[in-house]
Protein backbone atom coordinates (compact mmCIF):
# COMPACT_ATOMS: atom_id res chain seq x y z
CA MET A 1 0.19 -0.12 -0.04
CA HIS A 2 1.43 3.13 -1.10
CA PRO A 3 0.97 6.42 1.56
CA GLN A 4 -1.40 9.17 0.04
CA ILE A 5 0.24 11.77 -2.24
CA THR A 6 -0.96 15.05 -1.14
CA PRO A 7 -1.18 18.68 -2.84
CA GLU A 8 1.20 20.09 -0.80
CA MET A 9 3.91 17.06 -1.25
CA LYS A 10 4.06 18.42 -4.85
CA LEU A 11 6.14 21.57 -3.65
CA GLY A 12 8.42 22.79 -6.04
CA MET A 13 6.64 20.50 -9.49
CA LYS A 14 4.60 22.47 -11.95
CA GLU A 15 1.56 20.76 -11.06
CA PHE A 16 1.58 22.51 -7.37
CA GLU A 17 1.35 26.23 -9.13
CA ASN A 18 -2.43 25.92 -9.42
CA THR A 19 -2.98 24.79 -5.45
CA MET A 20 -4.81 26.71 -3.56
CA PHE A 21 -5.09 26.83 0.18
CA MET A 22 -8.94 27.38 0.65
CA LEU A 23 -10.43 28.79 3.81
CA ASN A 24 -13.34 26.96 5.79
CA VAL A 25 -13.39 30.24 8.41
CA GLN A 26 -13.57 33.69 7.30
CA PRO A 27 -10.67 35.78 8.95
CA THR A 28 -11.99 38.24 11.14
CA ALA A 29 -11.21 40.81 13.54
CA LYS A 30 -12.06 38.44 16.42
CA ASN A 31 -10.53 35.11 15.47
CA ILE A 32 -7.52 36.56 13.17
CA ASP A 33 -5.53 35.42 15.90
CA LYS A 34 -5.85 31.71 14.52
CA PHE A 35 -4.14 32.58 11.44
CA ALA A 36 -1.28 34.02 13.59
CA LEU A 37 2.56 33.07 11.81
CA GLN A 38 5.00 32.06 13.98
CA GLY A 39 2.75 32.11 16.97
CA ASP A 40 3.08 36.25 16.95
CA LEU A 41 2.86 37.63 13.16
CA LEU A 42 -0.68 38.35 12.68
CA PRO A 43 -2.48 39.16 9.32
CA GLU A 44 -3.20 42.77 8.77
CA ARG A 45 -6.37 44.57 7.12
CA LEU A 46 -5.24 45.54 3.51
CA ASP A 47 -9.03 47.05 2.85
CA ASP A 48 -12.57 46.42 4.20
CA ILE A 49 -12.78 42.67 3.25
CA ALA A 50 -8.84 41.20 2.64
CA TRP A 51 -6.16 40.43 5.32
CA ALA A 52 -2.56 40.18 4.58
CA LEU A 53 0.17 38.56 5.96
CA PRO A 54 4.20 38.90 5.04
CA ALA A 55 5.02 35.49 4.11
CA TYR A 56 8.70 36.05 2.85
CA LEU A 57 10.98 38.46 2.96
CA SER A 58 14.54 39.25 1.48
CA THR A 59 16.45 41.78 -0.04
CA ASP A 60 15.19 41.23 -3.57
CA PHE A 61 11.55 39.22 -3.21
CA ASN A 62 8.74 39.95 -1.05
CA LEU A 63 5.51 37.80 -1.04
CA PHE A 64 2.45 38.11 1.09
CA PHE A 65 -0.15 35.58 2.11
CA ILE A 66 -3.54 37.44 0.67
CA PHE A 67 -7.00 36.19 2.17
CA ALA A 68 -9.94 37.07 0.81
CA PRO A 69 -13.00 35.54 -0.90
CA ASN A 70 -11.20 35.71 -4.48
CA ILE A 71 -12.19 31.90 -5.64
CA ASN A 72 -15.84 32.06 -6.76
CA ASN A 73 -16.50 34.37 -3.45
CA HIS A 74 -15.11 31.71 -1.44
CA TRP A 75 -12.03 32.66 0.88
CA ALA A 76 -8.64 31.36 0.01
CA ILE A 77 -5.11 32.27 0.71
CA SER A 78 -3.72 33.40 -2.44
CA CYS A 79 0.28 35.51 -2.93
CA SER A 80 0.73 38.33 -4.07
CA GLN A 81 4.58 39.73 -4.81
CA VAL A 82 5.49 42.98 -2.71
CA GLN A 83 7.98 45.98 -3.41
CA ILE A 84 8.84 47.38 -0.03
CA GLU A 85 10.79 50.75 0.47
CA ASP A 86 12.38 52.22 3.59
CA GLY A 87 11.97 48.82 5.26
CA ASN A 88 8.01 48.75 6.04
CA ARG A 89 6.43 50.70 3.29
CA ILE A 90 4.71 48.92 0.74
CA THR A 91 4.68 50.29 -2.73
CA ALA A 92 3.57 47.90 -5.09
CA MET A 93 1.71 44.34 -5.00
CA SER A 94 1.39 42.42 -7.79
CA GLU A 95 -2.43 40.70 -8.76
CA THR A 96 -2.67 37.82 -6.85
CA VAL A 97 -1.77 34.30 -8.02
CA PRO A 98 -2.18 30.89 -6.74
CA THR A 99 -1.06 29.88 -3.45
CA GLY A 100 1.20 26.67 -5.07
CA MET A 101 2.72 29.28 -7.14
CA GLY A 102 4.09 31.75 -4.67
CA LEU A 103 5.09 28.66 -2.89
CA ASN A 104 6.97 27.13 -5.80
CA ALA A 105 8.48 31.04 -5.84
CA VAL A 106 9.57 30.98 -2.60
CA ASN A 107 11.11 27.13 -3.02
CA GLU A 108 13.03 28.36 -5.94
CA LEU A 109 15.28 31.33 -3.28
CA SER A 110 15.07 28.97 -0.41
CA PRO A 111 13.49 25.66 -0.15
CA SER A 112 13.57 25.92 4.03
CA SER A 113 11.43 28.68 4.21
CA ALA A 114 8.67 27.16 1.63
CA ILE A 115 8.70 24.16 3.95
CA GLU A 116 7.84 26.50 6.92
CA LEU A 117 5.11 28.18 5.01
CA ILE A 118 3.82 24.40 3.96
CA ALA A 119 4.06 23.62 7.83
CA TYR A 120 2.16 27.14 8.34
CA LEU A 121 -0.55 26.13 5.84
CA LYS A 122 -0.86 22.55 7.32
CA THR A 123 -1.35 23.68 11.08
CA LEU A 124 -4.43 25.83 9.35
CA GLU A 125 -5.55 22.77 7.97
CA VAL A 126 -5.06 20.41 11.22
CA ASN A 127 -6.83 23.25 13.23
CA ARG A 128 -9.95 23.17 10.14
CA LEU A 129 -9.28 26.34 9.06
CA GLY A 130 -8.84 25.17 5.74
CA TYR A 131 -7.31 23.23 3.24
CA PHE A 132 -5.34 22.89 0.24
CA ASP A 133 -7.15 22.51 -3.20
CA GLU A 134 -5.29 21.12 -6.45
CA HIS A 135 -8.51 21.05 -8.42
CA ILE A 136 -10.03 24.19 -7.87
CA GLY A 137 -8.32 25.66 -10.69
CA ASP A 138 -9.96 23.14 -12.85
CA MET A 139 -13.16 24.13 -11.71
CA ILE A 140 -12.66 27.66 -12.30
CA ARG A 141 -11.57 27.10 -15.74
CA ASN A 142 -14.20 24.66 -16.72
CA GLN A 143 -17.01 27.27 -15.78
CA LYS A 144 -15.67 30.32 -18.30
């Protein structure tokens, strides 16, 4: 009997790029502490709806997790590349991309950091806050 290959095990592979981390729970001011990274880094409000969390920061590549209802009005964590100036001033954000695509980009630069981010998402999964979905992209494309 072979172990089941779960989506996050495909980190670094092309087929992981369309994987999304879907949320079972909408982040709110009352529950945002459940989404803390490393125990004390909390997502912050991006606007009236979405939340943002620095996922990977370096001198030449910065990635934020974006918590928003951006998959057919279902809450998910997608990724956005961010430009930061003066140490903490965000000057530009890219369009969001699937969770898997963002994690693969981090994996190219720092495999250990990508594994830490997978561990963070797996913790959310264990706490029933969300789950990896490698087929959601197919469903969205088929609806168009």
